[in-house]
Amino acid sequence: MPQPVATRLRVSECFLSLQGEGPSAGVPAHFVRLQGCDVGCHWCDSKYTWGSSGGRETTIDEVLEEVRSLGSAPLLVVTGGEPLQHDGIYGLLDRSLTRWPRVEVETSGIIGPRMHHDRLFWNVSPKLPSATPRWEETWLHAREWAREPNATFKLVVGTEADRDDAVRLTAEHDVPAARVMLMPEGLTDAQVLAHAPLVVHACKAHGFRMSPRLHIWLWGARRGV
């Protein structure tokens, strides 16, 4: 007997801003930030989303109406927390794809791909060894994600060891270099700028792309941006 589809979600916040990272950086976007994540990255800029009892519970339809009421945007970004740890995520994506021309999901990749759509894009951020003791778990499904044509890999680099690990791990998991974006780690613009040369060097040497952190440049590590 088929299981009922979850229609409720735990939401941390909703807002209208610009996508700050990844292949759509600079595009006006609605954001639905889900609550709950146990990956535990030490440099996380949204640790307020970690606790599974935080935020608020709402229905999929209510949250979509809420973000649409904020104004128009061509992009919906579902982020967290870790969106794929929510039972209602696929119901949310199904309904979102009827309302937005492009939908992106920010995920650590700790769960493998379960849904494909031509207008659904995945920003997959498996973690490097310096980020969390659980980093290896986020690479378990990397080859599956590499086979998803709409997945881009976005790796956070703050040290030479991070840079070297990014090169090694993407090669070990057969991730095409053209679909890898390296992003300098930092919760302030000064930190991002300090780490940027490591990223530039690796992109030039290996054919990766560089991701900005526009929201840090514009507003710093704040909620709702």
N, C-alpha and C. Protein backbone atom coordinates (compact mmCIF):
# COMPACT_ATOMS: atom_id res chain seq x y z
N MET A 1 0.85 -1.20 0.00
CA MET A 1 0.00 0.00 0.00
C MET A 1 0.88 1.24 0.00
N PRO A 2 0.67 2.20 -0.92
CA PRO A 2 1.54 3.38 -0.97
C PRO A 2 1.44 4.22 0.29
N GLN A 3 2.59 4.79 0.70
CA GLN A 3 2.63 5.64 1.88
C GLN A 3 2.09 7.03 1.54
N PRO A 4 1.40 7.68 2.48
CA PRO A 4 0.91 9.03 2.21
C PRO A 4 2.08 10.00 2.02
N VAL A 5 1.89 10.97 1.14
CA VAL A 5 2.92 11.97 0.89
C VAL A 5 2.85 13.05 1.96
N ALA A 6 3.99 13.35 2.58
CA ALA A 6 4.02 14.36 3.63
C ALA A 6 3.69 15.73 3.04
N THR A 7 2.87 16.49 3.72
CA THR A 7 2.46 17.81 3.24
C THR A 7 2.86 18.92 4.20
N ARG A 8 3.60 18.59 5.25
CA ARG A 8 4.02 19.59 6.22
C ARG A 8 5.55 19.63 6.29
N LEU A 9 6.06 20.80 6.64
CA LEU A 9 7.50 21.02 6.71
C LEU A 9 7.83 21.86 7.93
N ARG A 10 9.07 21.73 8.40
CA ARG A 10 9.56 22.62 9.45
C ARG A 10 10.45 23.67 8.79
N VAL A 11 10.03 24.92 8.88
CA VAL A 11 10.65 26.02 8.14
C VAL A 11 11.37 26.95 9.11
N SER A 12 12.60 27.31 8.76
CA SER A 12 13.35 28.28 9.54
C SER A 12 12.99 29.71 9.15
N GLU A 13 12.98 30.00 7.84
CA GLU A 13 12.66 31.34 7.37
C GLU A 13 12.37 31.32 5.88
N CYS A 14 11.65 32.34 5.43
CA CYS A 14 11.39 32.57 4.01
C CYS A 14 11.71 34.02 3.71
N PHE A 15 12.29 34.27 2.54
CA PHE A 15 12.63 35.65 2.20
C PHE A 15 12.88 35.76 0.70
N LEU A 16 12.94 37.01 0.24
CA LEU A 16 13.23 37.34 -1.15
C LEU A 16 14.57 38.06 -1.18
N SER A 17 15.50 37.57 -1.99
CA SER A 17 16.84 38.16 -2.03
C SER A 17 17.46 37.87 -3.39
N LEU A 18 18.78 37.85 -3.44
CA LEU A 18 19.52 37.40 -4.61
C LEU A 18 20.19 36.08 -4.25
N GLN A 19 20.23 35.14 -5.19
CA GLN A 19 21.02 33.94 -4.96
C GLN A 19 22.48 34.35 -4.83
N GLY A 20 23.11 33.99 -3.71
CA GLY A 20 24.46 34.48 -3.44
C GLY A 20 25.57 33.57 -3.91
N GLU A 21 25.26 32.30 -4.20
CA GLU A 21 26.29 31.31 -4.48
C GLU A 21 25.90 30.48 -5.69
N GLY A 22 26.87 29.73 -6.20
CA GLY A 22 26.59 28.72 -7.21
C GLY A 22 26.32 29.28 -8.58
N PRO A 23 25.78 28.46 -9.48
CA PRO A 23 25.66 28.83 -10.89
C PRO A 23 24.66 29.93 -11.16
N SER A 24 23.74 30.20 -10.23
CA SER A 24 22.73 31.25 -10.43
C SER A 24 23.02 32.49 -9.58
N ALA A 25 24.24 32.66 -9.13
CA ALA A 25 24.58 33.81 -8.29
C ALA A 25 24.17 35.11 -8.96
N GLY A 26 23.50 35.97 -8.19
CA GLY A 26 23.06 37.26 -8.68
C GLY A 26 21.63 37.30 -9.16
N VAL A 27 20.98 36.13 -9.29
CA VAL A 27 19.60 36.07 -9.78
C VAL A 27 18.63 36.34 -8.62
N PRO A 28 17.62 37.22 -8.82
CA PRO A 28 16.60 37.40 -7.78
C PRO A 28 15.93 36.06 -7.47
N ALA A 29 15.73 35.78 -6.19
CA ALA A 29 15.24 34.46 -5.81
C ALA A 29 14.40 34.51 -4.54
N HIS A 30 13.38 33.67 -4.54
CA HIS A 30 12.68 33.37 -3.29
C HIS A 30 13.46 32.27 -2.58
N PHE A 31 13.55 32.36 -1.27
CA PHE A 31 14.24 31.35 -0.47
C PHE A 31 13.27 30.72 0.52
N VAL A 32 13.28 29.40 0.57
CA VAL A 32 12.64 28.65 1.64
C VAL A 32 13.76 27.92 2.37
N ARG A 33 14.03 28.35 3.59
CA ARG A 33 15.09 27.72 4.39
C ARG A 33 14.44 26.77 5.39
N LEU A 34 14.71 25.48 5.22
CA LEU A 34 14.13 24.46 6.08
C LEU A 34 14.95 24.29 7.35
N GLN A 35 14.30 23.79 8.38
CA GLN A 35 14.92 23.65 9.70
C GLN A 35 15.36 22.21 9.92
N GLY A 36 16.60 22.04 10.40
CA GLY A 36 17.09 20.72 10.76
C GLY A 36 18.27 20.29 9.92
N CYS A 37 19.41 20.04 10.59
CA CYS A 37 20.60 19.52 9.90
C CYS A 37 21.52 18.92 10.95
N ASP A 38 22.06 17.74 10.67
CA ASP A 38 22.98 17.10 11.62
C ASP A 38 24.36 16.85 11.02
N VAL A 39 24.69 17.55 9.92
CA VAL A 39 26.00 17.36 9.28
C VAL A 39 27.10 18.02 10.10
N GLY A 40 26.85 19.20 10.67
CA GLY A 40 27.74 19.79 11.67
C GLY A 40 28.99 20.47 11.16
N CYS A 41 28.90 21.25 10.08
CA CYS A 41 30.08 21.96 9.56
C CYS A 41 30.47 23.10 10.49
N HIS A 42 31.74 23.18 10.85
CA HIS A 42 32.17 24.17 11.84
C HIS A 42 32.04 25.59 11.31
N TRP A 43 32.11 25.80 9.99
CA TRP A 43 32.04 27.15 9.42
C TRP A 43 30.64 27.52 8.96
N CYS A 44 29.64 26.74 9.29
CA CYS A 44 28.27 26.97 8.82
C CYS A 44 27.80 28.38 9.17
N ASP A 45 27.17 29.05 8.20
CA ASP A 45 26.67 30.40 8.45
C ASP A 45 25.19 30.41 8.82
N SER A 46 24.61 29.24 9.03
CA SER A 46 23.20 29.17 9.42
C SER A 46 23.00 28.10 10.51
N LYS A 47 23.82 28.16 11.55
CA LYS A 47 23.72 27.17 12.62
C LYS A 47 22.38 27.21 13.34
N TYR A 48 21.66 28.30 13.21
CA TYR A 48 20.33 28.40 13.81
C TYR A 48 19.34 27.42 13.17
N THR A 49 19.72 26.82 12.04
CA THR A 49 18.84 25.84 11.39
C THR A 49 19.11 24.42 11.84
N TRP A 50 20.09 24.19 12.69
CA TRP A 50 20.48 22.82 13.01
C TRP A 50 19.42 22.07 13.81
N GLY A 51 18.89 22.69 14.84
CA GLY A 51 17.97 21.99 15.74
C GLY A 51 16.67 21.62 15.06
N SER A 52 16.28 20.35 15.18
CA SER A 52 15.08 19.89 14.49
C SER A 52 13.80 20.44 15.10
N SER A 53 13.88 20.99 16.32
CA SER A 53 12.69 21.55 16.96
C SER A 53 12.58 23.06 16.77
N GLY A 54 13.56 23.66 16.10
CA GLY A 54 13.52 25.10 15.86
C GLY A 54 12.58 25.45 14.73
N GLY A 55 12.52 26.73 14.40
CA GLY A 55 11.66 27.16 13.31
C GLY A 55 10.19 26.98 13.63
N ARG A 56 9.42 26.73 12.60
CA ARG A 56 7.96 26.58 12.75
C ARG A 56 7.46 25.54 11.77
N GLU A 57 6.40 24.85 12.15
CA GLU A 57 5.81 23.86 11.27
C GLU A 57 4.71 24.52 10.45
N THR A 58 4.67 24.20 9.16
CA THR A 58 3.67 24.77 8.28
C THR A 58 3.39 23.78 7.15
N THR A 59 2.39 24.07 6.34
CA THR A 59 2.10 23.20 5.21
C THR A 59 2.87 23.67 3.98
N ILE A 60 3.00 22.79 3.02
CA ILE A 60 3.68 23.14 1.77
C ILE A 60 2.96 24.29 1.09
N ASP A 61 1.65 24.22 0.98
CA ASP A 61 0.91 25.29 0.30
C ASP A 61 1.07 26.62 1.01
N GLU A 62 1.04 26.60 2.34
CA GLU A 62 1.18 27.86 3.08
C GLU A 62 2.55 28.50 2.86
N VAL A 63 3.60 27.70 2.87
CA VAL A 63 4.93 28.28 2.71
C VAL A 63 5.13 28.80 1.29
N LEU A 64 4.59 28.13 0.30
CA LEU A 64 4.72 28.62 -1.07
C LEU A 64 3.94 29.91 -1.28
N GLU A 65 2.77 30.01 -0.70
CA GLU A 65 2.01 31.26 -0.79
C GLU A 65 2.74 32.38 -0.06
N GLU A 66 3.36 32.06 1.06
CA GLU A 66 4.10 33.07 1.81
C GLU A 66 5.23 33.67 0.98
N VAL A 67 6.03 32.82 0.35
CA VAL A 67 7.15 33.38 -0.42
C VAL A 67 6.67 34.11 -1.67
N ARG A 68 5.61 33.63 -2.31
CA ARG A 68 5.10 34.32 -3.48
C ARG A 68 4.56 35.70 -3.13
N SER A 69 4.08 35.86 -1.90
CA SER A 69 3.53 37.15 -1.48
C SER A 69 4.62 38.21 -1.29
N LEU A 70 5.89 37.80 -1.27
CA LEU A 70 6.99 38.74 -1.03
C LEU A 70 7.35 39.54 -2.28
N GLY A 71 6.88 39.12 -3.44
CA GLY A 71 7.22 39.77 -4.71
C GLY A 71 7.58 38.71 -5.73
N SER A 72 7.88 39.13 -6.95
CA SER A 72 8.15 38.17 -8.01
C SER A 72 9.64 37.87 -8.12
N ALA A 73 9.96 36.65 -8.55
CA ALA A 73 11.34 36.23 -8.80
C ALA A 73 11.29 34.99 -9.70
N PRO A 74 12.27 34.82 -10.57
CA PRO A 74 12.27 33.69 -11.50
C PRO A 74 12.83 32.40 -10.91
N LEU A 75 13.30 32.47 -9.67
CA LEU A 75 14.02 31.34 -9.08
C LEU A 75 13.52 31.09 -7.67
N LEU A 76 13.33 29.83 -7.32
CA LEU A 76 13.09 29.41 -5.94
C LEU A 76 14.28 28.60 -5.48
N VAL A 77 14.84 28.95 -4.32
CA VAL A 77 15.95 28.21 -3.72
C VAL A 77 15.45 27.56 -2.45
N VAL A 78 15.56 26.25 -2.38
CA VAL A 78 15.22 25.51 -1.17
C VAL A 78 16.54 25.15 -0.49
N THR A 79 16.71 25.65 0.72
CA THR A 79 17.98 25.50 1.41
C THR A 79 17.73 25.08 2.85
N GLY A 80 18.76 25.13 3.67
CA GLY A 80 18.58 24.70 5.05
C GLY A 80 19.66 25.24 5.93
N GLY A 81 19.93 24.43 6.98
CA GLY A 81 19.57 23.05 7.20
C GLY A 81 19.97 22.13 6.03
N GLU A 82 19.41 20.93 6.09
CA GLU A 82 19.61 19.93 5.04
C GLU A 82 18.24 19.55 4.48
N PRO A 83 17.87 20.12 3.33
CA PRO A 83 16.52 19.88 2.79
C PRO A 83 16.17 18.42 2.58
N LEU A 84 17.14 17.59 2.20
CA LEU A 84 16.81 16.21 1.87
C LEU A 84 16.50 15.36 3.09
N GLN A 85 16.68 15.89 4.28
CA GLN A 85 16.31 15.17 5.49
C GLN A 85 14.85 15.41 5.88
N HIS A 86 14.08 16.10 5.03
CA HIS A 86 12.67 16.40 5.29
C HIS A 86 11.78 15.47 4.49
N ASP A 87 10.80 14.86 5.16
CA ASP A 87 9.87 13.97 4.47
C ASP A 87 9.07 14.69 3.39
N GLY A 88 8.81 15.98 3.61
CA GLY A 88 7.97 16.72 2.67
C GLY A 88 8.71 17.34 1.51
N ILE A 89 10.00 17.10 1.37
CA ILE A 89 10.79 17.83 0.37
C ILE A 89 10.30 17.58 -1.06
N TYR A 90 9.93 16.35 -1.39
CA TYR A 90 9.57 16.07 -2.78
C TYR A 90 8.19 16.60 -3.12
N GLY A 91 7.30 16.64 -2.13
CA GLY A 91 6.03 17.31 -2.34
C GLY A 91 6.23 18.80 -2.56
N LEU A 92 7.14 19.40 -1.79
CA LEU A 92 7.46 20.81 -1.96
C LEU A 92 8.02 21.07 -3.36
N LEU A 93 8.92 20.22 -3.82
CA LEU A 93 9.52 20.42 -5.13
C LEU A 93 8.49 20.22 -6.24
N ASP A 94 7.65 19.21 -6.13
CA ASP A 94 6.61 18.98 -7.13
C ASP A 94 5.76 20.23 -7.32
N ARG A 95 5.32 20.81 -6.22
CA ARG A 95 4.42 21.97 -6.31
C ARG A 95 5.18 23.22 -6.74
N SER A 96 6.44 23.32 -6.33
CA SER A 96 7.23 24.49 -6.71
C SER A 96 7.46 24.54 -8.21
N LEU A 97 7.63 23.39 -8.83
CA LEU A 97 7.92 23.35 -10.27
C LEU A 97 6.74 23.77 -11.13
N THR A 98 5.56 23.86 -10.54
CA THR A 98 4.40 24.38 -11.27
C THR A 98 4.31 25.90 -11.14
N ARG A 99 5.16 26.51 -10.30
CA ARG A 99 5.04 27.94 -10.00
C ARG A 99 6.29 28.75 -10.33
N TRP A 100 7.42 28.10 -10.48
CA TRP A 100 8.68 28.80 -10.79
C TRP A 100 9.33 28.18 -12.03
N PRO A 101 9.95 29.00 -12.88
CA PRO A 101 10.65 28.43 -14.05
C PRO A 101 11.93 27.71 -13.70
N ARG A 102 12.51 27.99 -12.52
CA ARG A 102 13.73 27.30 -12.10
C ARG A 102 13.67 27.12 -10.58
N VAL A 103 13.99 25.92 -10.14
CA VAL A 103 14.04 25.60 -8.71
C VAL A 103 15.41 24.99 -8.42
N GLU A 104 16.07 25.48 -7.36
CA GLU A 104 17.36 24.94 -6.95
C GLU A 104 17.27 24.44 -5.52
N VAL A 105 17.98 23.36 -5.25
CA VAL A 105 18.07 22.79 -3.90
C VAL A 105 19.53 22.81 -3.48
N GLU A 106 19.77 23.36 -2.29
CA GLU A 106 21.11 23.34 -1.70
C GLU A 106 21.19 22.14 -0.76
N THR A 107 22.11 21.22 -1.02
CA THR A 107 22.21 20.01 -0.22
C THR A 107 23.67 19.61 -0.01
N SER A 108 23.93 18.96 1.10
CA SER A 108 25.26 18.41 1.35
C SER A 108 25.51 17.15 0.54
N GLY A 109 24.47 16.58 -0.03
CA GLY A 109 24.61 15.33 -0.76
C GLY A 109 24.62 14.10 0.13
N ILE A 110 24.29 14.27 1.41
CA ILE A 110 24.35 13.15 2.35
C ILE A 110 23.30 12.09 2.04
N ILE A 111 22.30 12.47 1.25
CA ILE A 111 21.30 11.55 0.70
C ILE A 111 21.39 11.64 -0.82
N GLY A 112 21.27 10.52 -1.50
CA GLY A 112 21.43 10.51 -2.95
C GLY A 112 20.24 11.10 -3.68
N PRO A 113 20.37 11.33 -5.00
CA PRO A 113 19.28 11.92 -5.80
C PRO A 113 18.09 10.98 -5.89
N ARG A 114 16.90 11.57 -5.75
CA ARG A 114 15.66 10.78 -5.83
C ARG A 114 14.66 11.39 -6.79
N MET A 115 15.03 12.51 -7.43
CA MET A 115 14.06 13.20 -8.28
C MET A 115 14.81 13.92 -9.39
N HIS A 116 14.27 13.85 -10.61
CA HIS A 116 14.84 14.59 -11.73
C HIS A 116 13.74 15.34 -12.44
N HIS A 117 14.04 16.58 -12.83
CA HIS A 117 13.14 17.38 -13.64
C HIS A 117 14.01 18.36 -14.42
N ASP A 118 13.61 18.69 -15.63
CA ASP A 118 14.43 19.57 -16.46
C ASP A 118 14.67 20.93 -15.83
N ARG A 119 13.75 21.40 -14.99
CA ARG A 119 13.88 22.73 -14.37
C ARG A 119 14.25 22.67 -12.90
N LEU A 120 14.67 21.48 -12.44
CA LEU A 120 15.10 21.30 -11.06
C LEU A 120 16.61 21.11 -11.03
N PHE A 121 17.29 21.95 -10.26
CA PHE A 121 18.75 21.95 -10.22
C PHE A 121 19.24 21.76 -8.79
N TRP A 122 20.35 21.05 -8.67
CA TRP A 122 20.89 20.66 -7.37
C TRP A 122 22.28 21.28 -7.18
N ASN A 123 22.44 22.04 -6.11
CA ASN A 123 23.75 22.56 -5.72
C ASN A 123 24.27 21.67 -4.60
N VAL A 124 25.12 20.73 -4.96
CA VAL A 124 25.55 19.66 -4.05
C VAL A 124 26.89 20.06 -3.42
N SER A 125 26.92 20.10 -2.10
CA SER A 125 28.11 20.55 -1.37
C SER A 125 28.62 19.49 -0.41
N PRO A 126 29.22 18.41 -0.94
CA PRO A 126 29.86 17.45 -0.03
C PRO A 126 30.99 18.14 0.71
N LYS A 127 31.24 17.69 1.91
CA LYS A 127 32.15 18.41 2.80
C LYS A 127 33.58 17.87 2.72
N LEU A 128 34.52 18.78 2.88
CA LEU A 128 35.93 18.41 2.91
C LEU A 128 36.31 17.99 4.34
N PRO A 129 37.39 17.23 4.51
CA PRO A 129 37.71 16.66 5.82
C PRO A 129 37.83 17.68 6.95
N SER A 130 38.20 18.91 6.65
CA SER A 130 38.35 19.91 7.71
C SER A 130 37.02 20.42 8.23
N ALA A 131 35.92 20.18 7.51
CA ALA A 131 34.65 20.82 7.85
C ALA A 131 33.89 20.12 8.97
N THR A 132 33.88 18.79 8.97
CA THR A 132 33.05 18.04 9.90
C THR A 132 33.54 16.60 10.00
N PRO A 133 33.41 15.97 11.16
CA PRO A 133 33.76 14.55 11.26
C PRO A 133 32.91 13.66 10.36
N ARG A 134 31.79 14.16 9.87
CA ARG A 134 30.90 13.36 9.03
C ARG A 134 31.16 13.56 7.53
N TRP A 135 32.31 14.13 7.20
CA TRP A 135 32.55 14.50 5.81
C TRP A 135 32.45 13.31 4.85
N GLU A 136 32.93 12.13 5.28
CA GLU A 136 32.91 10.99 4.37
C GLU A 136 31.49 10.59 3.98
N GLU A 137 30.54 10.75 4.90
CA GLU A 137 29.15 10.41 4.60
C GLU A 137 28.59 11.28 3.47
N THR A 138 29.08 12.51 3.37
CA THR A 138 28.55 13.40 2.33
C THR A 138 29.10 13.06 0.95
N TRP A 139 30.10 12.20 0.87
CA TRP A 139 30.64 11.76 -0.42
C TRP A 139 30.13 10.38 -0.84
N LEU A 140 29.34 9.72 -0.01
CA LEU A 140 28.92 8.36 -0.32
C LEU A 140 28.11 8.29 -1.61
N HIS A 141 27.36 9.33 -1.91
CA HIS A 141 26.49 9.33 -3.09
C HIS A 141 27.02 10.23 -4.20
N ALA A 142 28.28 10.61 -4.11
CA ALA A 142 28.82 11.58 -5.07
C ALA A 142 28.74 11.09 -6.51
N ARG A 143 29.00 9.82 -6.74
CA ARG A 143 28.93 9.31 -8.11
C ARG A 143 27.49 9.35 -8.64
N GLU A 144 26.52 9.07 -7.76
CA GLU A 144 25.12 9.19 -8.17
C GLU A 144 24.80 10.63 -8.54
N TRP A 145 25.25 11.57 -7.72
CA TRP A 145 25.01 12.98 -8.01
C TRP A 145 25.72 13.40 -9.29
N ALA A 146 26.89 12.85 -9.55
CA ALA A 146 27.60 13.19 -10.77
C ALA A 146 26.85 12.71 -12.01
N ARG A 147 26.04 11.68 -11.86
CA ARG A 147 25.22 11.18 -12.98
C ARG A 147 23.94 12.00 -13.17
N GLU A 148 23.60 12.82 -12.20
CA GLU A 148 22.44 13.72 -12.33
C GLU A 148 22.87 14.94 -13.15
N PRO A 149 22.34 15.11 -14.35
CA PRO A 149 22.86 16.17 -15.23
C PRO A 149 22.64 17.58 -14.71
N ASN A 150 21.69 17.77 -13.80
CA ASN A 150 21.42 19.11 -13.28
C ASN A 150 22.07 19.37 -11.93
N ALA A 151 23.07 18.60 -11.59
CA ALA A 151 23.78 18.78 -10.31
C ALA A 151 25.10 19.50 -10.55
N THR A 152 25.35 20.53 -9.75
CA THR A 152 26.63 21.22 -9.70
C THR A 152 27.23 20.98 -8.33
N PHE A 153 28.52 20.69 -8.27
CA PHE A 153 29.21 20.45 -7.00
C PHE A 153 29.86 21.77 -6.54
N LYS A 154 29.56 22.16 -5.30
CA LYS A 154 30.06 23.42 -4.76
C LYS A 154 30.82 23.12 -3.47
N LEU A 155 32.14 23.31 -3.49
CA LEU A 155 33.00 22.92 -2.38
C LEU A 155 33.61 24.16 -1.73
N VAL A 156 33.64 24.16 -0.40
CA VAL A 156 34.11 25.31 0.37
C VAL A 156 35.59 25.12 0.71
N VAL A 157 36.41 26.10 0.32
CA VAL A 157 37.86 26.01 0.47
C VAL A 157 38.36 27.16 1.34
N GLY A 158 39.09 26.79 2.42
CA GLY A 158 39.65 27.82 3.29
C GLY A 158 41.13 27.68 3.54
N THR A 159 41.71 26.54 3.13
CA THR A 159 43.13 26.28 3.35
C THR A 159 43.72 25.55 2.15
N GLU A 160 45.04 25.46 2.12
CA GLU A 160 45.68 24.69 1.05
C GLU A 160 45.26 23.22 1.13
N ALA A 161 45.10 22.70 2.35
CA ALA A 161 44.65 21.32 2.50
C ALA A 161 43.25 21.13 1.92
N ASP A 162 42.37 22.11 2.14
CA ASP A 162 41.03 22.04 1.55
C ASP A 162 41.12 22.00 0.03
N ARG A 163 41.94 22.88 -0.53
CA ARG A 163 42.10 22.92 -1.99
C ARG A 163 42.56 21.57 -2.52
N ASP A 164 43.57 20.99 -1.86
CA ASP A 164 44.10 19.71 -2.31
C ASP A 164 43.08 18.60 -2.14
N ASP A 165 42.32 18.64 -1.06
CA ASP A 165 41.28 17.63 -0.84
C ASP A 165 40.18 17.76 -1.89
N ALA A 166 39.82 18.97 -2.26
CA ALA A 166 38.80 19.17 -3.29
C ALA A 166 39.23 18.56 -4.61
N VAL A 167 40.49 18.78 -4.99
CA VAL A 167 41.01 18.21 -6.23
C VAL A 167 41.00 16.68 -6.15
N ARG A 168 41.48 16.15 -5.03
CA ARG A 168 41.58 14.70 -4.88
C ARG A 168 40.21 14.03 -4.86
N LEU A 169 39.28 14.56 -4.08
CA LEU A 169 37.99 13.89 -3.89
C LEU A 169 37.12 13.97 -5.13
N THR A 170 37.15 15.08 -5.85
CA THR A 170 36.37 15.13 -7.09
C THR A 170 36.91 14.16 -8.12
N ALA A 171 38.22 14.00 -8.16
CA ALA A 171 38.80 13.03 -9.09
C ALA A 171 38.46 11.59 -8.67
N GLU A 172 38.56 11.31 -7.38
CA GLU A 172 38.27 9.96 -6.89
C GLU A 172 36.83 9.55 -7.15
N HIS A 173 35.91 10.52 -7.15
CA HIS A 173 34.48 10.21 -7.32
C HIS A 173 33.97 10.53 -8.72
N ASP A 174 34.90 10.74 -9.65
CA ASP A 174 34.55 10.92 -11.07
C ASP A 174 33.59 12.08 -11.30
N VAL A 175 33.83 13.17 -10.60
CA VAL A 175 33.01 14.37 -10.78
C VAL A 175 33.65 15.21 -11.89
N PRO A 176 32.93 15.50 -12.96
CA PRO A 176 33.52 16.30 -14.05
C PRO A 176 33.95 17.68 -13.57
N ALA A 177 35.14 18.08 -13.94
CA ALA A 177 35.68 19.36 -13.47
C ALA A 177 34.78 20.53 -13.87
N ALA A 178 34.14 20.44 -15.03
CA ALA A 178 33.29 21.54 -15.50
C ALA A 178 32.06 21.74 -14.62
N ARG A 179 31.75 20.76 -13.77
CA ARG A 179 30.59 20.88 -12.89
C ARG A 179 30.99 21.09 -11.43
N VAL A 180 32.24 21.48 -11.22
CA VAL A 180 32.74 21.77 -9.87
C VAL A 180 32.92 23.28 -9.72
N MET A 181 32.37 23.81 -8.63
CA MET A 181 32.60 25.20 -8.26
C MET A 181 33.27 25.22 -6.89
N LEU A 182 34.35 25.97 -6.78
CA LEU A 182 35.01 26.16 -5.50
C LEU A 182 34.62 27.52 -4.95
N MET A 183 34.34 27.56 -3.65
CA MET A 183 33.89 28.79 -3.01
C MET A 183 34.78 29.09 -1.82
N PRO A 184 35.34 30.30 -1.73
CA PRO A 184 36.19 30.62 -0.58
C PRO A 184 35.39 30.68 0.71
N GLU A 185 35.91 30.04 1.74
CA GLU A 185 35.25 30.01 3.05
C GLU A 185 35.36 31.37 3.72
N GLY A 186 34.31 31.74 4.45
CA GLY A 186 34.37 32.97 5.21
C GLY A 186 33.01 33.48 5.62
N LEU A 187 32.91 34.01 6.84
CA LEU A 187 31.69 34.62 7.33
C LEU A 187 31.75 36.14 7.26
N THR A 188 32.89 36.66 6.78
CA THR A 188 33.03 38.09 6.53
C THR A 188 33.64 38.27 5.15
N ASP A 189 33.46 39.46 4.59
CA ASP A 189 34.04 39.72 3.28
C ASP A 189 35.56 39.62 3.32
N ALA A 190 36.17 40.05 4.43
CA ALA A 190 37.63 39.97 4.55
C ALA A 190 38.11 38.53 4.51
N GLN A 191 37.41 37.64 5.20
CA GLN A 191 37.79 36.23 5.19
C GLN A 191 37.64 35.62 3.80
N VAL A 192 36.55 35.95 3.12
CA VAL A 192 36.33 35.44 1.76
C VAL A 192 37.45 35.91 0.84
N LEU A 193 37.81 37.18 0.92
CA LEU A 193 38.88 37.72 0.08
C LEU A 193 40.22 37.06 0.39
N ALA A 194 40.47 36.79 1.68
CA ALA A 194 41.74 36.17 2.06
C ALA A 194 41.88 34.76 1.50
N HIS A 195 40.78 34.04 1.37
CA HIS A 195 40.83 32.66 0.89
C HIS A 195 40.64 32.56 -0.62
N ALA A 196 40.27 33.66 -1.26
CA ALA A 196 39.99 33.62 -2.70
C ALA A 196 41.19 33.18 -3.54
N PRO A 197 42.43 33.60 -3.26
CA PRO A 197 43.54 33.18 -4.12
C PRO A 197 43.71 31.66 -4.22
N LEU A 198 43.42 30.93 -3.13
CA LEU A 198 43.49 29.47 -3.19
C LEU A 198 42.52 28.92 -4.22
N VAL A 199 41.33 29.52 -4.25
CA VAL A 199 40.30 29.07 -5.18
C VAL A 199 40.68 29.42 -6.61
N VAL A 200 41.16 30.63 -6.82
CA VAL A 200 41.55 31.05 -8.17
C VAL A 200 42.63 30.12 -8.73
N HIS A 201 43.62 29.80 -7.92
CA HIS A 201 44.71 28.92 -8.36
C HIS A 201 44.17 27.56 -8.79
N ALA A 202 43.30 26.98 -7.96
CA ALA A 202 42.78 25.65 -8.28
C ALA A 202 41.88 25.68 -9.51
N CYS A 203 41.09 26.73 -9.68
CA CYS A 203 40.22 26.83 -10.85
C CYS A 203 41.04 26.92 -12.13
N LYS A 204 42.09 27.73 -12.10
CA LYS A 204 42.94 27.87 -13.28
C LYS A 204 43.68 26.56 -13.59
N ALA A 205 44.09 25.85 -12.55
CA ALA A 205 44.89 24.65 -12.76
C ALA A 205 44.06 23.44 -13.17
N HIS A 206 42.78 23.39 -12.74
CA HIS A 206 42.01 22.16 -12.91
C HIS A 206 40.71 22.33 -13.69
N GLY A 207 40.41 23.53 -14.13
CA GLY A 207 39.21 23.73 -14.94
C GLY A 207 37.93 23.83 -14.14
N PHE A 208 38.04 24.11 -12.84
CA PHE A 208 36.86 24.34 -12.02
C PHE A 208 36.35 25.76 -12.24
N ARG A 209 35.16 26.06 -11.71
CA ARG A 209 34.65 27.42 -11.67
C ARG A 209 34.72 27.94 -10.24
N MET A 210 34.64 29.25 -10.11
CA MET A 210 34.67 29.89 -8.80
C MET A 210 33.28 30.41 -8.46
N SER A 211 32.84 30.12 -7.25
CA SER A 211 31.56 30.65 -6.78
C SER A 211 31.80 31.84 -5.86
N PRO A 212 31.05 32.91 -6.04
CA PRO A 212 31.13 34.03 -5.10
C PRO A 212 30.33 33.74 -3.84
N ARG A 213 30.38 34.65 -2.90
CA ARG A 213 29.46 34.66 -1.76
C ARG A 213 28.88 36.07 -1.69
N LEU A 214 27.96 36.37 -2.61
CA LEU A 214 27.45 37.72 -2.76
C LEU A 214 26.75 38.22 -1.51
N HIS A 215 26.04 37.35 -0.82
CA HIS A 215 25.30 37.79 0.38
C HIS A 215 26.27 38.20 1.49
N ILE A 216 27.43 37.55 1.58
CA ILE A 216 28.43 37.97 2.57
C ILE A 216 29.01 39.33 2.18
N TRP A 217 29.30 39.51 0.91
CA TRP A 217 29.82 40.80 0.43
C TRP A 217 28.82 41.92 0.69
N LEU A 218 27.54 41.66 0.42
CA LEU A 218 26.53 42.71 0.51
C LEU A 218 26.05 42.96 1.94
N TRP A 219 25.84 41.89 2.71
CA TRP A 219 25.17 42.05 4.00
C TRP A 219 25.89 41.41 5.19
N GLY A 220 26.89 40.60 4.94
CA GLY A 220 27.50 39.86 6.03
C GLY A 220 26.68 38.64 6.40
N ALA A 221 27.10 37.95 7.46
CA ALA A 221 26.43 36.71 7.89
C ALA A 221 25.19 37.05 8.71
N ARG A 222 24.11 37.39 7.99
CA ARG A 222 22.84 37.76 8.61
C ARG A 222 21.75 36.83 8.16
N ARG A 223 20.68 36.76 8.94
CA ARG A 223 19.51 35.99 8.54
C ARG A 223 18.71 36.78 7.51
N GLY A 224 17.93 36.06 6.72
CA GLY A 224 16.97 36.69 5.82
C GLY A 224 17.57 37.38 4.63
N VAL A 225 18.81 37.01 4.24
CA VAL A 225 19.44 37.62 3.07
C VAL A 225 20.02 36.55 2.16
